[in-house]
Amino acid sequence: MSHNLTRGALARICQGEDVHEPLVQVLGHKAIQGSGQERYRLLLSDGQYTNSFSMLATQLNSMIHDKQLEMYTVIKVKKQICNQVAGQTKRVVIILDLEVVTPGAEVGSKIGNPDGKILLLLANQNANHSAGAA
């Protein structure tokens, strides 16, 4: 089965673009400590880039508990927001609604050859905008 991820979607979302229902792959997740409530950070891939600054909205935590978001799972992101962390260039994508397209056990491996350049691209872009505004 071929999985066509929405290449470049993570960078476009972080740049403020409204990307309609992108397909991305879950490459991992872990609990965030010290936030006062149960929260999960996701490592997502769009086949071109990875983003480790993604969080699952708390109302979706049951998907982690029910093992629906295991490694290699392909998901359709139905609703998300991207917030800039105060005082930093880092942006966090918060997944508000999603649909599992294919469970990770069926996919079995990482799709594409994603890298972490998304973070460098956004940091450089923000630095260039700041320099231009001075």
C-alpha atoms as a PDB file:
ATOM      1  CA  MET A   1       0.000   0.000   0.000  1.00  0.00           C
ATOM      2  CA  SER A   2       1.384   3.383  -1.022  1.00  0.00           C
ATOM      3  CA  HIS A   3       1.122   6.295   1.397  1.00  0.00           C
ATOM      4  CA  ASN A   4       1.310   9.777  -0.058  1.00  0.00           C
ATOM      5  CA  LEU A   5       2.196  12.118   2.768  1.00  0.00           C
ATOM      6  CA  THR A   6       1.622  15.842   2.254  1.00  0.00           C
ATOM      7  CA  ARG A   7       5.265  16.784   1.573  1.00  0.00           C
ATOM      8  CA  GLY A   8       6.284  20.129   3.045  1.00  0.00           C
ATOM      9  CA  ALA A   9       3.053  20.488   5.037  1.00  0.00           C
ATOM     10  CA  LEU A  10       4.761  20.863   8.422  1.00  0.00           C
ATOM     11  CA  ALA A  11       6.877  23.816   7.263  1.00  0.00           C
ATOM     12  CA  ARG A  12       3.877  25.467   5.605  1.00  0.00           C
ATOM     13  CA  ILE A  13       1.759  25.053   8.754  1.00  0.00           C
ATOM     14  CA  CYS A  14       4.543  26.601  10.858  1.00  0.00           C
ATOM     15  CA  GLN A  15       4.695  29.532   8.434  1.00  0.00           C
ATOM     16  CA  GLY A  16       1.014  30.228   9.051  1.00  0.00           C
ATOM     17  CA  GLU A  17      -0.418  28.642   5.924  1.00  0.00           C
ATOM     18  CA  ASP A  18      -3.745  26.841   6.206  1.00  0.00           C
ATOM     19  CA  VAL A  19      -2.945  23.349   4.904  1.00  0.00           C
ATOM     20  CA  HIS A  20      -6.197  21.409   4.437  1.00  0.00           C
ATOM     21  CA  GLU A  21      -6.138  17.974   6.102  1.00  0.00           C
ATOM     22  CA  PRO A  22      -2.484  17.060   5.529  1.00  0.00           C
ATOM     23  CA  LEU A  23      -1.359  13.447   5.766  1.00  0.00           C
ATOM     24  CA  VAL A  24       1.606  13.038   8.123  1.00  0.00           C
ATOM     25  CA  GLN A  25       3.307  10.138   9.858  1.00  0.00           C
ATOM     26  CA  VAL A  26       3.816   9.658  13.590  1.00  0.00           C
ATOM     27  CA  LEU A  27       7.435   8.709  14.297  1.00  0.00           C
ATOM     28  CA  GLY A  28       7.110   8.754  18.068  1.00  0.00           C
ATOM     29  CA  HIS A  29       5.535  10.388  21.110  1.00  0.00           C
ATOM     30  CA  LYS A  30       6.389  11.023  24.733  1.00  0.00           C
ATOM     31  CA  ALA A  31       4.737  12.485  27.789  1.00  0.00           C
ATOM     32  CA  ILE A  32       5.631  16.058  28.699  1.00  0.00           C
ATOM     33  CA  GLN A  33       6.692  16.307  32.324  1.00  0.00           C
ATOM     34  CA  GLY A  34       5.813  19.164  34.654  1.00  0.00           C
ATOM     35  CA  SER A  35       2.954  20.724  32.712  1.00  0.00           C
ATOM     36  CA  GLY A  36       0.420  20.056  35.483  1.00  0.00           C
ATOM     37  CA  GLN A  37      -1.788  17.952  33.219  1.00  0.00           C
ATOM     38  CA  GLU A  38      -1.198  14.988  30.970  1.00  0.00           C
ATOM     39  CA  ARG A  39       0.240  16.216  27.644  1.00  0.00           C
ATOM     40  CA  TYR A  40       2.026  14.450  24.808  1.00  0.00           C
ATOM     41  CA  ARG A  41       4.677  15.669  22.411  1.00  0.00           C
ATOM     42  CA  LEU A  42       4.661  14.083  18.952  1.00  0.00           C
ATOM     43  CA  LEU A  43       7.434  13.565  16.437  1.00  0.00           C
ATOM     44  CA  LEU A  44       5.752  13.994  13.053  1.00  0.00           C
ATOM     45  CA  SER A  45       7.008  13.603   9.484  1.00  0.00           C
ATOM     46  CA  ASP A  46       5.530  14.831   6.218  1.00  0.00           C
ATOM     47  CA  GLY A  47       8.028  12.762   4.217  1.00  0.00           C
ATOM     48  CA  GLN A  48      10.222  15.813   3.643  1.00  0.00           C
ATOM     49  CA  TYR A  49      10.608  17.331   7.108  1.00  0.00           C
ATOM     50  CA  THR A  50      10.181  16.230  10.705  1.00  0.00           C
ATOM     51  CA  ASN A  51       8.781  18.324  13.531  1.00  0.00           C
ATOM     52  CA  SER A  52       9.347  17.406  17.160  1.00  0.00           C
ATOM     53  CA  PHE A  53       7.576  20.552  18.361  1.00  0.00           C
ATOM     54  CA  SER A  54       4.084  19.123  17.930  1.00  0.00           C
ATOM     55  CA  MET A  55       1.666  18.513  20.764  1.00  0.00           C
ATOM     56  CA  LEU A  56      -1.506  16.502  21.000  1.00  0.00           C
ATOM     57  CA  ALA A  57      -4.536  18.368  22.368  1.00  0.00           C
ATOM     58  CA  THR A  58      -5.488  16.863  25.735  1.00  0.00           C
ATOM     59  CA  GLN A  59      -8.909  15.726  24.469  1.00  0.00           C
ATOM     60  CA  LEU A  60      -7.036  13.321  22.146  1.00  0.00           C
ATOM     61  CA  ASN A  61      -4.922  11.687  24.898  1.00  0.00           C
ATOM     62  CA  SER A  62      -7.096   8.573  24.740  1.00  0.00           C
ATOM     63  CA  MET A  63      -5.599   7.876  21.297  1.00  0.00           C
ATOM     64  CA  ILE A  64      -2.204   7.435  22.993  1.00  0.00           C
ATOM     65  CA  HIS A  65      -3.728   5.276  25.754  1.00  0.00           C
ATOM     66  CA  ASP A  66      -5.523   3.121  23.173  1.00  0.00           C
ATOM     67  CA  LYS A  67      -2.284   2.752  21.158  1.00  0.00           C
ATOM     68  CA  GLN A  68      -3.800   4.371  18.055  1.00  0.00           C
ATOM     69  CA  LEU A  69      -0.790   6.658  17.528  1.00  0.00           C
ATOM     70  CA  GLU A  70       2.018   4.133  17.522  1.00  0.00           C
ATOM     71  CA  MET A  71       5.221   4.601  15.516  1.00  0.00           C
ATOM     72  CA  TYR A  72       4.725   4.798  11.719  1.00  0.00           C
ATOM     73  CA  THR A  73       0.972   5.510  11.957  1.00  0.00           C
ATOM     74  CA  VAL A  74      -0.276   7.716   9.111  1.00  0.00           C
ATOM     75  CA  ILE A  75      -2.764  10.349  10.253  1.00  0.00           C
ATOM     76  CA  LYS A  76      -4.911  12.984   8.603  1.00  0.00           C
ATOM     77  CA  VAL A  77      -4.678  16.219  10.597  1.00  0.00           C
ATOM     78  CA  LYS A  78      -8.191  17.645  10.498  1.00  0.00           C
ATOM     79  CA  LYS A  79      -7.568  20.685  12.695  1.00  0.00           C
ATOM     80  CA  GLN A  80      -4.397  22.262  14.048  1.00  0.00           C
ATOM     81  CA  ILE A  81      -2.984  25.551  15.260  1.00  0.00           C
ATOM     82  CA  CYS A  82       0.582  26.781  15.259  1.00  0.00           C
ATOM     83  CA  ASN A  83       1.725  29.020  18.105  1.00  0.00           C
ATOM     84  CA  GLN A  84       5.034  30.789  18.533  1.00  0.00           C
ATOM     85  CA  VAL A  85       6.664  30.214  21.907  1.00  0.00           C
ATOM     86  CA  ALA A  86       6.974  33.555  23.718  1.00  0.00           C
ATOM     87  CA  GLY A  87      10.465  35.037  23.472  1.00  0.00           C
ATOM     88  CA  GLN A  88      11.711  32.341  21.076  1.00  0.00           C
ATOM     89  CA  THR A  89      11.713  31.587  17.360  1.00  0.00           C
ATOM     90  CA  LYS A  90      10.327  28.098  18.062  1.00  0.00           C
ATOM     91  CA  ARG A  91       6.795  27.327  16.867  1.00  0.00           C
ATOM     92  CA  VAL A  92       4.615  24.580  18.296  1.00  0.00           C
ATOM     93  CA  VAL A  93       1.959  22.790  16.257  1.00  0.00           C
ATOM     94  CA  ILE A  94      -0.990  21.680  18.381  1.00  0.00           C
ATOM     95  CA  ILE A  95      -3.068  18.883  16.855  1.00  0.00           C
ATOM     96  CA  LEU A  96      -6.713  19.540  17.755  1.00  0.00           C
ATOM     97  CA  ASP A  97      -8.384  16.851  15.652  1.00  0.00           C
ATOM     98  CA  LEU A  98      -7.084  13.928  13.609  1.00  0.00           C
ATOM     99  CA  GLU A  99      -8.077  10.717  11.913  1.00  0.00           C
ATOM    100  CA  VAL A 100      -5.965   7.566  11.768  1.00  0.00           C
ATOM    101  CA  VAL A 101      -5.531   6.644   8.094  1.00  0.00           C
ATOM    102  CA  THR A 102      -3.277   3.593   8.476  1.00  0.00           C
ATOM    103  CA  PRO A 103      -2.028   2.059  11.748  1.00  0.00           C
ATOM    104  CA  GLY A 104       1.729   1.936  12.197  1.00  0.00           C
ATOM    105  CA  ALA A 105       1.797  -1.873  12.291  1.00  0.00           C
ATOM    106  CA  GLU A 106       0.450  -1.901   8.720  1.00  0.00           C
ATOM    107  CA  VAL A 107       2.855   0.785   7.477  1.00  0.00           C
ATOM    108  CA  GLY A 108       5.892  -0.791   9.148  1.00  0.00           C
ATOM    109  CA  SER A 109       8.528   1.855   8.312  1.00  0.00           C
ATOM    110  CA  LYS A 110       9.323   5.524   7.915  1.00  0.00           C
ATOM    111  CA  ILE A 111       7.970   7.056   4.701  1.00  0.00           C
ATOM    112  CA  GLY A 112      10.325   9.227   2.643  1.00  0.00           C
ATOM    113  CA  ASN A 113      13.598  10.616   3.909  1.00  0.00           C
ATOM    114  CA  PRO A 114      12.585  13.418   6.274  1.00  0.00           C
ATOM    115  CA  ASP A 115      15.082  15.566   8.119  1.00  0.00           C
ATOM    116  CA  GLY A 116      14.966  18.237  10.809  1.00  0.00           C
ATOM    117  CA  LYS A 117      15.606  21.180   8.494  1.00  0.00           C
ATOM    118  CA  ILE A 118      12.190  22.653   9.241  1.00  0.00           C
ATOM    119  CA  LEU A 119      13.512  24.099  12.483  1.00  0.00           C
ATOM    120  CA  LEU A 120      16.525  25.696  10.812  1.00  0.00           C
ATOM    121  CA  LEU A 121      14.432  27.089   7.965  1.00  0.00           C
ATOM    122  CA  LEU A 122      11.992  28.745  10.341  1.00  0.00           C
ATOM    123  CA  ALA A 123      14.694  30.103  12.642  1.00  0.00           C
ATOM    124  CA  ASN A 124      16.550  31.623   9.683  1.00  0.00           C
ATOM    125  CA  GLN A 125      13.353  33.022   8.213  1.00  0.00           C
ATOM    126  CA  ASN A 126      12.392  34.665  11.532  1.00  0.00           C
ATOM    127  CA  ALA A 127      15.904  36.079  11.939  1.00  0.00           C
ATOM    128  CA  ASN A 128      15.739  37.559   8.415  1.00  0.00           C
ATOM    129  CA  HIS A 129      12.338  39.162   9.131  1.00  0.00           C
ATOM    130  CA  SER A 130      13.674  40.635  12.387  1.00  0.00           C
ATOM    131  CA  ALA A 131      16.778  42.002  10.654  1.00  0.00           C
ATOM    132  CA  GLY A 132      14.624  43.539   7.916  1.00  0.00           C
ATOM    133  CA  ALA A 133      12.415  45.259  10.500  1.00  0.00           C
ATOM    134  CA  ALA A 134      15.347  46.924  12.250  1.00  0.00           C
END
